[in-house]
Amino acid sequence: MNTDFREKKIFIAGSSGGIGYKTAELFLKGGAFVMLHGKNSSKLLKKKKNLQTHFPKQVSGVTADITTTRGRKKLLAEYKKKHGNSLKVLVISVGSGKVVKTAFIKEREWIKVFEQNFFGIVNLIFDFMPLLKKSKDPSIVIVGSIAGIEHIGAPVSYASAKAALHSYAKHLSVEVAKDGVRVNIVHPGNVYFDGGRWEELLKGNTKKVRQYIKEKVPMRRFGKPKDIAEAILFLASQKAEFITGASLVVDGGQHNSF
């Protein structure tokens, strides 16, 4: 997508790999200043250096755990130090579905899943909202999952957290529309990338996983990070200036809801 983000300030939570990393790359190609984020410092540093080879003056990065108050304070301080008190686009691509499938898990396990897939995101948006409001036509794009809008056999706690995120994005979009902030959510299907959950599952049972994709996904393939990143860029761009509160499904036709 040829979208102009020249000198726009972008922060991408969860961008040391997969969807977030590819999204960062596309924003950089559009001329943006991008701050990367991850929990693993060595992994983030490696990814940052890769991008700095092509975009030496546009990339920065911060390591922090967004599920903790301390981590979010560090993140916000680092962003302000580098980019000041305004933010054009906030992209959040964090979470984990690597949990047991059953609904019968202990309360502390439910809390952990919701911290990773819901509360950390909600709190990060709360922290960054004042910066977004200081920009012209700011935008938030959240990465959810089709597991949050339809039963696909995902872990119950993970799907429940993503369903809460789906609802939150819609309600938030209405509340902040008066401030000029757009909020949209992208729901990916099965996205394959190095180090991702589907790589792990594919190694565990290649035949079963490939059969699942052929049977459940009409387009008969995994999604690629670029498939999702292009959707994110569109929603963040001026081409989508009248779109807010939308949920965009990018899954090769897998989900069956109207």
C-alpha atoms as a PDB file:
ATOM      1  CA  MET A   1       0.000   0.000   0.000  1.00  0.00           C
ATOM      2  CA  ASN A   2       1.446   3.336  -1.075  1.00  0.00           C
ATOM      3  CA  THR A   3       0.437   5.404   1.954  1.00  0.00           C
ATOM      4  CA  ASP A   4       2.157   8.609   2.977  1.00  0.00           C
ATOM      5  CA  PHE A   5       3.195   8.730   6.626  1.00  0.00           C
ATOM      6  CA  ARG A   6       6.115  11.113   6.174  1.00  0.00           C
ATOM      7  CA  GLU A   7       7.393  12.374   9.533  1.00  0.00           C
ATOM      8  CA  LYS A   8       4.364  10.951  11.376  1.00  0.00           C
ATOM      9  CA  LYS A   9       5.071   9.517  14.824  1.00  0.00           C
ATOM     10  CA  ILE A  10       4.084   5.879  15.224  1.00  0.00           C
ATOM     11  CA  PHE A  11       4.332   3.608  18.258  1.00  0.00           C
ATOM     12  CA  ILE A  12       3.826  -0.123  17.782  1.00  0.00           C
ATOM     13  CA  ALA A  13       3.439  -2.258  20.897  1.00  0.00           C
ATOM     14  CA  GLY A  14       4.601  -5.772  20.130  1.00  0.00           C
ATOM     15  CA  SER A  15       6.826  -5.112  17.125  1.00  0.00           C
ATOM     16  CA  SER A  16       9.884  -7.291  17.678  1.00  0.00           C
ATOM     17  CA  GLY A  17       8.483  -9.927  15.328  1.00  0.00           C
ATOM     18  CA  GLY A  18       5.552 -11.154  13.278  1.00  0.00           C
ATOM     19  CA  ILE A  19       2.682  -8.803  12.504  1.00  0.00           C
ATOM     20  CA  GLY A  20       4.034  -5.875  14.513  1.00  0.00           C
ATOM     21  CA  TYR A  21       7.464  -6.014  12.881  1.00  0.00           C
ATOM     22  CA  LYS A  22       6.053  -6.132   9.348  1.00  0.00           C
ATOM     23  CA  THR A  23       3.730  -3.242  10.233  1.00  0.00           C
ATOM     24  CA  ALA A  24       6.723  -1.217  11.407  1.00  0.00           C
ATOM     25  CA  GLU A  25       8.541  -1.932   8.160  1.00  0.00           C
ATOM     26  CA  LEU A  26       5.618  -0.688   6.065  1.00  0.00           C
ATOM     27  CA  PHE A  27       5.201   2.476   8.144  1.00  0.00           C
ATOM     28  CA  LEU A  28       8.913   3.176   7.728  1.00  0.00           C
ATOM     29  CA  LYS A  29       8.644   2.767   3.972  1.00  0.00           C
ATOM     30  CA  GLY A  30       5.911   5.401   4.138  1.00  0.00           C
ATOM     31  CA  GLY A  31       8.331   7.825   5.780  1.00  0.00           C
ATOM     32  CA  ALA A  32       7.200   7.543   9.407  1.00  0.00           C
ATOM     33  CA  PHE A  33       9.209   7.755  12.608  1.00  0.00           C
ATOM     34  CA  VAL A  34       8.571   4.448  14.363  1.00  0.00           C
ATOM     35  CA  MET A  35       9.261   3.340  17.922  1.00  0.00           C
ATOM     36  CA  LEU A  36       9.430  -0.429  18.247  1.00  0.00           C
ATOM     37  CA  HIS A  37       8.520  -2.302  21.409  1.00  0.00           C
ATOM     38  CA  GLY A  38       9.109  -5.768  22.796  1.00  0.00           C
ATOM     39  CA  LYS A  39       9.668  -7.682  26.035  1.00  0.00           C
ATOM     40  CA  ASN A  40      12.891  -9.399  24.978  1.00  0.00           C
ATOM     41  CA  SER A  41      15.730  -6.865  24.786  1.00  0.00           C
ATOM     42  CA  SER A  42      18.107  -8.924  22.618  1.00  0.00           C
ATOM     43  CA  LYS A  43      15.387  -9.780  20.123  1.00  0.00           C
ATOM     44  CA  LEU A  44      14.214  -6.179  19.945  1.00  0.00           C
ATOM     45  CA  LEU A  45      17.756  -4.891  19.461  1.00  0.00           C
ATOM     46  CA  LYS A  46      18.318  -7.302  16.584  1.00  0.00           C
ATOM     47  CA  LYS A  47      15.099  -6.248  14.848  1.00  0.00           C
ATOM     48  CA  LYS A  48      15.842  -2.574  15.403  1.00  0.00           C
ATOM     49  CA  LYS A  49      19.291  -2.931  13.862  1.00  0.00           C
ATOM     50  CA  ASN A  50      17.795  -4.723  10.858  1.00  0.00           C
ATOM     51  CA  LEU A  51      15.447  -1.821  10.195  1.00  0.00           C
ATOM     52  CA  GLN A  52      18.066   0.831  10.916  1.00  0.00           C
ATOM     53  CA  THR A  53      20.121  -0.568   8.052  1.00  0.00           C
ATOM     54  CA  HIS A  54      17.482   0.788   5.666  1.00  0.00           C
ATOM     55  CA  PHE A  55      15.937   3.541   7.812  1.00  0.00           C
ATOM     56  CA  PRO A  56      18.799   4.829   9.997  1.00  0.00           C
ATOM     57  CA  LYS A  57      17.097   7.999  11.238  1.00  0.00           C
ATOM     58  CA  GLN A  58      13.529   6.740  11.582  1.00  0.00           C
ATOM     59  CA  VAL A  59      13.723   3.845  14.050  1.00  0.00           C
ATOM     60  CA  SER A  60      13.934   3.697  17.837  1.00  0.00           C
ATOM     61  CA  GLY A  61      12.945   1.046  20.350  1.00  0.00           C
ATOM     62  CA  VAL A  62      12.013   0.328  23.942  1.00  0.00           C
ATOM     63  CA  THR A  63      11.894  -2.854  26.010  1.00  0.00           C
ATOM     64  CA  ALA A  64       9.078  -3.001  28.561  1.00  0.00           C
ATOM     65  CA  ASP A  65       6.363  -5.235  29.984  1.00  0.00           C
ATOM     66  CA  ILE A  66       3.055  -3.488  29.283  1.00  0.00           C
ATOM     67  CA  THR A  67       1.214  -5.686  31.777  1.00  0.00           C
ATOM     68  CA  THR A  68       2.929  -3.825  34.638  1.00  0.00           C
ATOM     69  CA  THR A  69       2.585  -0.216  35.759  1.00  0.00           C
ATOM     70  CA  ARG A  70       6.359   0.069  35.963  1.00  0.00           C
ATOM     71  CA  GLY A  71       6.777  -1.211  32.422  1.00  0.00           C
ATOM     72  CA  ARG A  72       4.219   1.191  30.983  1.00  0.00           C
ATOM     73  CA  LYS A  73       5.767   4.156  32.825  1.00  0.00           C
ATOM     74  CA  LYS A  74       9.158   3.275  31.367  1.00  0.00           C
ATOM     75  CA  LEU A  75       7.673   2.928  27.915  1.00  0.00           C
ATOM     76  CA  LEU A  76       5.871   6.260  28.037  1.00  0.00           C
ATOM     77  CA  ALA A  77       8.948   8.048  29.380  1.00  0.00           C
ATOM     78  CA  GLU A  78      11.147   6.618  26.624  1.00  0.00           C
ATOM     79  CA  TYR A  79       8.637   7.606  23.964  1.00  0.00           C
ATOM     80  CA  LYS A  80       8.377  11.187  25.232  1.00  0.00           C
ATOM     81  CA  LYS A  81      12.152  11.455  25.460  1.00  0.00           C
ATOM     82  CA  LYS A  82      12.489  10.459  21.811  1.00  0.00           C
ATOM     83  CA  HIS A  83       9.367  11.919  20.184  1.00  0.00           C
ATOM     84  CA  GLY A  84       7.895  14.496  22.543  1.00  0.00           C
ATOM     85  CA  ASN A  85       4.309  14.788  23.750  1.00  0.00           C
ATOM     86  CA  SER A  86       2.331  13.868  20.641  1.00  0.00           C
ATOM     87  CA  LEU A  87       1.560  10.625  18.818  1.00  0.00           C
ATOM     88  CA  LYS A  88      -0.107  10.140  15.437  1.00  0.00           C
ATOM     89  CA  VAL A  89      -0.750   6.388  15.417  1.00  0.00           C
ATOM     90  CA  LEU A  90      -0.815   3.789  18.187  1.00  0.00           C
ATOM     91  CA  VAL A  91      -0.764   0.176  17.023  1.00  0.00           C
ATOM     92  CA  ILE A  92      -1.088  -2.595  19.590  1.00  0.00           C
ATOM     93  CA  SER A  93      -0.150  -6.110  18.513  1.00  0.00           C
ATOM     94  CA  VAL A  94       0.422  -7.980  21.759  1.00  0.00           C
ATOM     95  CA  GLY A  95      -0.997 -11.022  23.490  1.00  0.00           C
ATOM     96  CA  SER A  96      -0.578 -14.757  23.801  1.00  0.00           C
ATOM     97  CA  GLY A  97      -2.810 -17.712  23.032  1.00  0.00           C
ATOM     98  CA  LYS A  98      -0.394 -20.264  24.423  1.00  0.00           C
ATOM     99  CA  VAL A  99      -2.667 -21.470  27.226  1.00  0.00           C
ATOM    100  CA  VAL A 100      -4.703 -24.578  27.990  1.00  0.00           C
ATOM    101  CA  LYS A 101      -7.963 -24.866  26.051  1.00  0.00           C
ATOM    102  CA  THR A 102     -10.388 -25.727  28.830  1.00  0.00           C
ATOM    103  CA  ALA A 103     -12.613 -23.181  30.555  1.00  0.00           C
ATOM    104  CA  PHE A 104     -11.901 -24.839  33.902  1.00  0.00           C
ATOM    105  CA  ILE A 105      -8.731 -23.088  34.984  1.00  0.00           C
ATOM    106  CA  LYS A 106      -7.929 -21.304  38.223  1.00  0.00           C
ATOM    107  CA  GLU A 107      -8.651 -17.629  38.765  1.00  0.00           C
ATOM    108  CA  ARG A 108      -4.981 -16.646  38.701  1.00  0.00           C
ATOM    109  CA  GLU A 109      -4.662 -18.244  35.252  1.00  0.00           C
ATOM    110  CA  TRP A 110      -7.680 -16.302  33.980  1.00  0.00           C
ATOM    111  CA  ILE A 111      -6.152 -13.104  35.338  1.00  0.00           C
ATOM    112  CA  LYS A 112      -2.814 -13.794  33.634  1.00  0.00           C
ATOM    113  CA  VAL A 113      -4.476 -14.359  30.260  1.00  0.00           C
ATOM    114  CA  PHE A 114      -6.542 -11.185  30.584  1.00  0.00           C
ATOM    115  CA  GLU A 115      -3.488  -9.181  31.645  1.00  0.00           C
ATOM    116  CA  GLN A 116      -1.677 -10.293  28.482  1.00  0.00           C
ATOM    117  CA  ASN A 117      -4.588  -9.968  26.071  1.00  0.00           C
ATOM    118  CA  PHE A 118      -6.816  -7.240  27.505  1.00  0.00           C
ATOM    119  CA  PHE A 119      -5.800  -5.211  30.568  1.00  0.00           C
ATOM    120  CA  GLY A 120      -2.279  -4.426  29.349  1.00  0.00           C
ATOM    121  CA  ILE A 121      -3.769  -3.028  26.138  1.00  0.00           C
ATOM    122  CA  VAL A 122      -6.484  -1.029  27.888  1.00  0.00           C
ATOM    123  CA  ASN A 123      -3.971   0.514  30.283  1.00  0.00           C
ATOM    124  CA  LEU A 124      -1.523   1.338  27.492  1.00  0.00           C
ATOM    125  CA  ILE A 125      -4.237   3.182  25.579  1.00  0.00           C
ATOM    126  CA  PHE A 126      -5.138   5.086  28.750  1.00  0.00           C
ATOM    127  CA  ASP A 127      -1.507   6.180  29.119  1.00  0.00           C
ATOM    128  CA  PHE A 128      -1.089   7.258  25.491  1.00  0.00           C
ATOM    129  CA  MET A 129      -4.465   8.923  24.967  1.00  0.00           C
ATOM    130  CA  PRO A 130      -3.271  12.416  26.047  1.00  0.00           C
ATOM    131  CA  LEU A 131      -0.494  12.224  23.435  1.00  0.00           C
ATOM    132  CA  LEU A 132      -2.882  11.094  20.719  1.00  0.00           C
ATOM    133  CA  LYS A 133      -5.234  13.974  21.439  1.00  0.00           C
ATOM    134  CA  LYS A 134      -2.403  16.415  20.734  1.00  0.00           C
ATOM    135  CA  SER A 135      -2.030  15.184  17.140  1.00  0.00           C
ATOM    136  CA  LYS A 136      -4.177  15.965  14.121  1.00  0.00           C
ATOM    137  CA  ASP A 137      -6.417  13.056  13.060  1.00  0.00           C
ATOM    138  CA  PRO A 138      -4.873  10.466  15.419  1.00  0.00           C
ATOM    139  CA  SER A 139      -5.631   6.778  15.153  1.00  0.00           C
ATOM    140  CA  ILE A 140      -5.507   3.607  17.240  1.00  0.00           C
ATOM    141  CA  VAL A 141      -5.396   0.191  15.594  1.00  0.00           C
ATOM    142  CA  ILE A 142      -5.677  -2.868  17.829  1.00  0.00           C
ATOM    143  CA  VAL A 143      -4.809  -6.379  16.689  1.00  0.00           C
ATOM    144  CA  GLY A 144      -7.390  -8.837  17.989  1.00  0.00           C
ATOM    145  CA  SER A 145      -8.249 -12.328  16.731  1.00  0.00           C
ATOM    146  CA  ILE A 146     -11.116 -14.119  15.022  1.00  0.00           C
ATOM    147  CA  ALA A 147     -11.163 -16.224  18.200  1.00  0.00           C
ATOM    148  CA  GLY A 148     -12.803 -13.218  19.856  1.00  0.00           C
ATOM    149  CA  ILE A 149     -15.734 -13.086  17.446  1.00  0.00           C
ATOM    150  CA  GLU A 150     -16.450 -16.738  16.703  1.00  0.00           C
ATOM    151  CA  HIS A 151     -15.870 -20.188  18.170  1.00  0.00           C
ATOM    152  CA  ILE A 152     -12.896 -21.707  16.352  1.00  0.00           C
ATOM    153  CA  GLY A 153     -11.599 -24.048  19.043  1.00  0.00           C
ATOM    154  CA  ALA A 154      -9.179 -21.573  20.601  1.00  0.00           C
ATOM    155  CA  PRO A 155      -8.470 -21.672  24.362  1.00  0.00           C
ATOM    156  CA  VAL A 156     -11.547 -20.389  26.201  1.00  0.00           C
ATOM    157  CA  SER A 157      -9.695 -17.837  28.328  1.00  0.00           C
ATOM    158  CA  TYR A 158      -7.848 -16.434  25.297  1.00  0.00           C
ATOM    159  CA  ALA A 159     -11.020 -16.222  23.205  1.00  0.00           C
ATOM    160  CA  SER A 160     -12.855 -14.525  26.076  1.00  0.00           C
ATOM    161  CA  ALA A 161     -10.116 -11.907  26.447  1.00  0.00           C
ATOM    162  CA  LYS A 162     -10.168 -11.209  22.711  1.00  0.00           C
ATOM    163  CA  ALA A 163     -13.964 -10.920  22.804  1.00  0.00           C
ATOM    164  CA  ALA A 164     -13.632  -8.330  25.563  1.00  0.00           C
ATOM    165  CA  LEU A 165     -11.069  -6.486  23.434  1.00  0.00           C
ATOM    166  CA  HIS A 166     -13.444  -6.501  20.463  1.00  0.00           C
ATOM    167  CA  SER A 167     -16.212  -4.941  22.564  1.00  0.00           C
ATOM    168  CA  TYR A 168     -13.829  -2.457  24.168  1.00  0.00           C
ATOM    169  CA  ALA A 169     -12.594  -1.174  20.802  1.00  0.00           C
ATOM    170  CA  LYS A 170     -16.136  -0.430  19.640  1.00  0.00           C
ATOM    171  CA  HIS A 171     -17.186   1.334  22.826  1.00  0.00           C
ATOM    172  CA  LEU A 172     -13.925   3.282  23.052  1.00  0.00           C
ATOM    173  CA  SER A 173     -14.324   4.506  19.476  1.00  0.00           C
ATOM    174  CA  VAL A 174     -17.625   6.162  20.362  1.00  0.00           C
ATOM    175  CA  GLU A 175     -16.260   7.794  23.501  1.00  0.00           C
ATOM    176  CA  VAL A 176     -13.176   9.358  21.893  1.00  0.00           C
ATOM    177  CA  ALA A 177     -14.693  10.297  18.521  1.00  0.00           C
ATOM    178  CA  LYS A 178     -15.447  13.767  19.907  1.00  0.00           C
ATOM    179  CA  ASP A 179     -11.700  14.197  20.432  1.00  0.00           C
ATOM    180  CA  GLY A 180     -10.966  13.257  16.832  1.00  0.00           C
ATOM    181  CA  VAL A 181      -9.379   9.914  17.742  1.00  0.00           C
ATOM    182  CA  ARG A 182     -10.296   6.975  15.531  1.00  0.00           C
ATOM    183  CA  VAL A 183     -10.245   3.444  16.986  1.00  0.00           C
ATOM    184  CA  ASN A 184     -10.414   0.271  14.910  1.00  0.00           C
ATOM    185  CA  ILE A 185      -9.587  -3.378  15.442  1.00  0.00           C
ATOM    186  CA  VAL A 186      -8.175  -5.954  13.025  1.00  0.00           C
ATOM    187  CA  HIS A 187      -9.006  -9.623  13.580  1.00  0.00           C
ATOM    188  CA  PRO A 188      -6.412 -11.925  11.977  1.00  0.00           C
ATOM    189  CA  GLY A 189      -6.969 -15.582  11.294  1.00  0.00           C
ATOM    190  CA  ASN A 190      -4.130 -18.090  11.235  1.00  0.00           C
ATOM    191  CA  VAL A 191      -0.946 -16.110  10.604  1.00  0.00           C
ATOM    192  CA  TYR A 192       2.350 -17.930  10.150  1.00  0.00           C
ATOM    193  CA  PHE A 193       5.716 -16.346  10.913  1.00  0.00           C
ATOM    194  CA  ASP A 194       9.081 -17.447  12.303  1.00  0.00           C
ATOM    195  CA  GLY A 195       8.886 -17.891  16.057  1.00  0.00           C
ATOM    196  CA  GLY A 196       5.095 -17.713  16.078  1.00  0.00           C
ATOM    197  CA  ARG A 197       2.560 -20.084  17.580  1.00  0.00           C
ATOM    198  CA  TRP A 198       1.684 -21.651  14.229  1.00  0.00           C
ATOM    199  CA  GLU A 199       5.325 -22.483  13.528  1.00  0.00           C
ATOM    200  CA  GLU A 200       5.379 -24.349  16.830  1.00  0.00           C
ATOM    201  CA  LEU A 201       2.142 -26.206  16.075  1.00  0.00           C
ATOM    202  CA  LEU A 202       3.276 -27.043  12.549  1.00  0.00           C
ATOM    203  CA  LYS A 203       6.479 -28.610  13.860  1.00  0.00           C
ATOM    204  CA  GLY A 204       4.446 -30.640  16.347  1.00  0.00           C
ATOM    205  CA  ASN A 205       2.083 -32.163  13.772  1.00  0.00           C
ATOM    206  CA  THR A 206       2.643 -30.951  10.223  1.00  0.00           C
ATOM    207  CA  LYS A 207       0.048 -33.171   8.564  1.00  0.00           C
ATOM    208  CA  LYS A 208      -2.740 -32.325  11.014  1.00  0.00           C
ATOM    209  CA  VAL A 209      -2.118 -28.573  10.862  1.00  0.00           C
ATOM    210  CA  ARG A 210      -1.972 -28.454   7.065  1.00  0.00           C
ATOM    211  CA  GLN A 211      -5.190 -30.467   6.861  1.00  0.00           C
ATOM    212  CA  TYR A 212      -6.838 -28.037   9.292  1.00  0.00           C
ATOM    213  CA  ILE A 213      -5.879 -25.060   7.123  1.00  0.00           C
ATOM    214  CA  LYS A 214      -7.189 -26.742   3.960  1.00  0.00           C
ATOM    215  CA  GLU A 215     -10.503 -27.620   5.614  1.00  0.00           C
ATOM    216  CA  LYS A 216     -11.154 -24.456   7.629  1.00  0.00           C
ATOM    217  CA  VAL A 217      -9.708 -21.660   5.483  1.00  0.00           C
ATOM    218  CA  PRO A 218     -11.433 -21.180   2.094  1.00  0.00           C
ATOM    219  CA  MET A 219      -8.285 -19.612   0.636  1.00  0.00           C
ATOM    220  CA  ARG A 220      -6.402 -22.725   1.789  1.00  0.00           C
ATOM    221  CA  ARG A 221      -3.316 -21.047   3.190  1.00  0.00           C
ATOM    222  CA  PHE A 222      -1.889 -19.363   6.259  1.00  0.00           C
ATOM    223  CA  GLY A 223      -2.048 -15.618   6.492  1.00  0.00           C
ATOM    224  CA  LYS A 224       1.209 -13.685   6.207  1.00  0.00           C
ATOM    225  CA  PRO A 225       2.211 -10.817   8.501  1.00  0.00           C
ATOM    226  CA  LYS A 226       2.062  -8.517   5.466  1.00  0.00           C
ATOM    227  CA  ASP A 227      -1.618  -9.404   4.952  1.00  0.00           C
ATOM    228  CA  ILE A 228      -2.426  -8.014   8.380  1.00  0.00           C
ATOM    229  CA  ALA A 229       0.050  -5.136   8.232  1.00  0.00           C
ATOM    230  CA  GLU A 230      -1.523  -3.779   5.040  1.00  0.00           C
ATOM    231  CA  ALA A 231      -4.924  -3.718   6.758  1.00  0.00           C
ATOM    232  CA  ILE A 232      -3.436  -1.891   9.740  1.00  0.00           C
ATOM    233  CA  LEU A 233      -1.828   0.742   7.532  1.00  0.00           C
ATOM    234  CA  PHE A 234      -5.079   1.342   5.707  1.00  0.00           C
ATOM    235  CA  LEU A 235      -7.026   1.885   8.930  1.00  0.00           C
ATOM    236  CA  ALA A 236      -4.309   4.188  10.268  1.00  0.00           C
ATOM    237  CA  SER A 237      -4.179   6.260   7.089  1.00  0.00           C
ATOM    238  CA  GLN A 238      -6.178   9.238   5.861  1.00  0.00           C
ATOM    239  CA  LYS A 239      -7.817   6.891   3.365  1.00  0.00           C
ATOM    240  CA  ALA A 240      -9.826   5.631   6.348  1.00  0.00           C
ATOM    241  CA  GLU A 241     -10.554   9.053   7.835  1.00  0.00           C
ATOM    242  CA  PHE A 242     -14.303   8.295   8.203  1.00  0.00           C
ATOM    243  CA  ILE A 243     -13.795   4.788   9.582  1.00  0.00           C
ATOM    244  CA  THR A 244     -13.932   4.277  13.333  1.00  0.00           C
ATOM    245  CA  GLY A 245     -15.370   1.531  15.499  1.00  0.00           C
ATOM    246  CA  ALA A 246     -14.801  -0.961  12.695  1.00  0.00           C
ATOM    247  CA  SER A 247     -13.617  -4.538  13.030  1.00  0.00           C
ATOM    248  CA  LEU A 248     -11.758  -5.755   9.956  1.00  0.00           C
ATOM    249  CA  VAL A 249     -11.411  -9.517   9.620  1.00  0.00           C
ATOM    250  CA  VAL A 250      -8.358 -10.745   7.701  1.00  0.00           C
ATOM    251  CA  ASP A 251      -8.573 -14.529   7.760  1.00  0.00           C
ATOM    252  CA  GLY A 252      -8.881 -15.933   4.242  1.00  0.00           C
ATOM    253  CA  GLY A 253     -12.623 -16.451   4.721  1.00  0.00           C
ATOM    254  CA  GLN A 254     -12.447 -18.691   7.792  1.00  0.00           C
ATOM    255  CA  HIS A 255     -14.992 -17.071  10.090  1.00  0.00           C
ATOM    256  CA  ASN A 256     -18.648 -17.651   9.229  1.00  0.00           C
ATOM    257  CA  SER A 257     -20.445 -14.749  10.909  1.00  0.00           C
ATOM    258  CA  PHE A 258     -22.380 -12.245   8.827  1.00  0.00           C
END
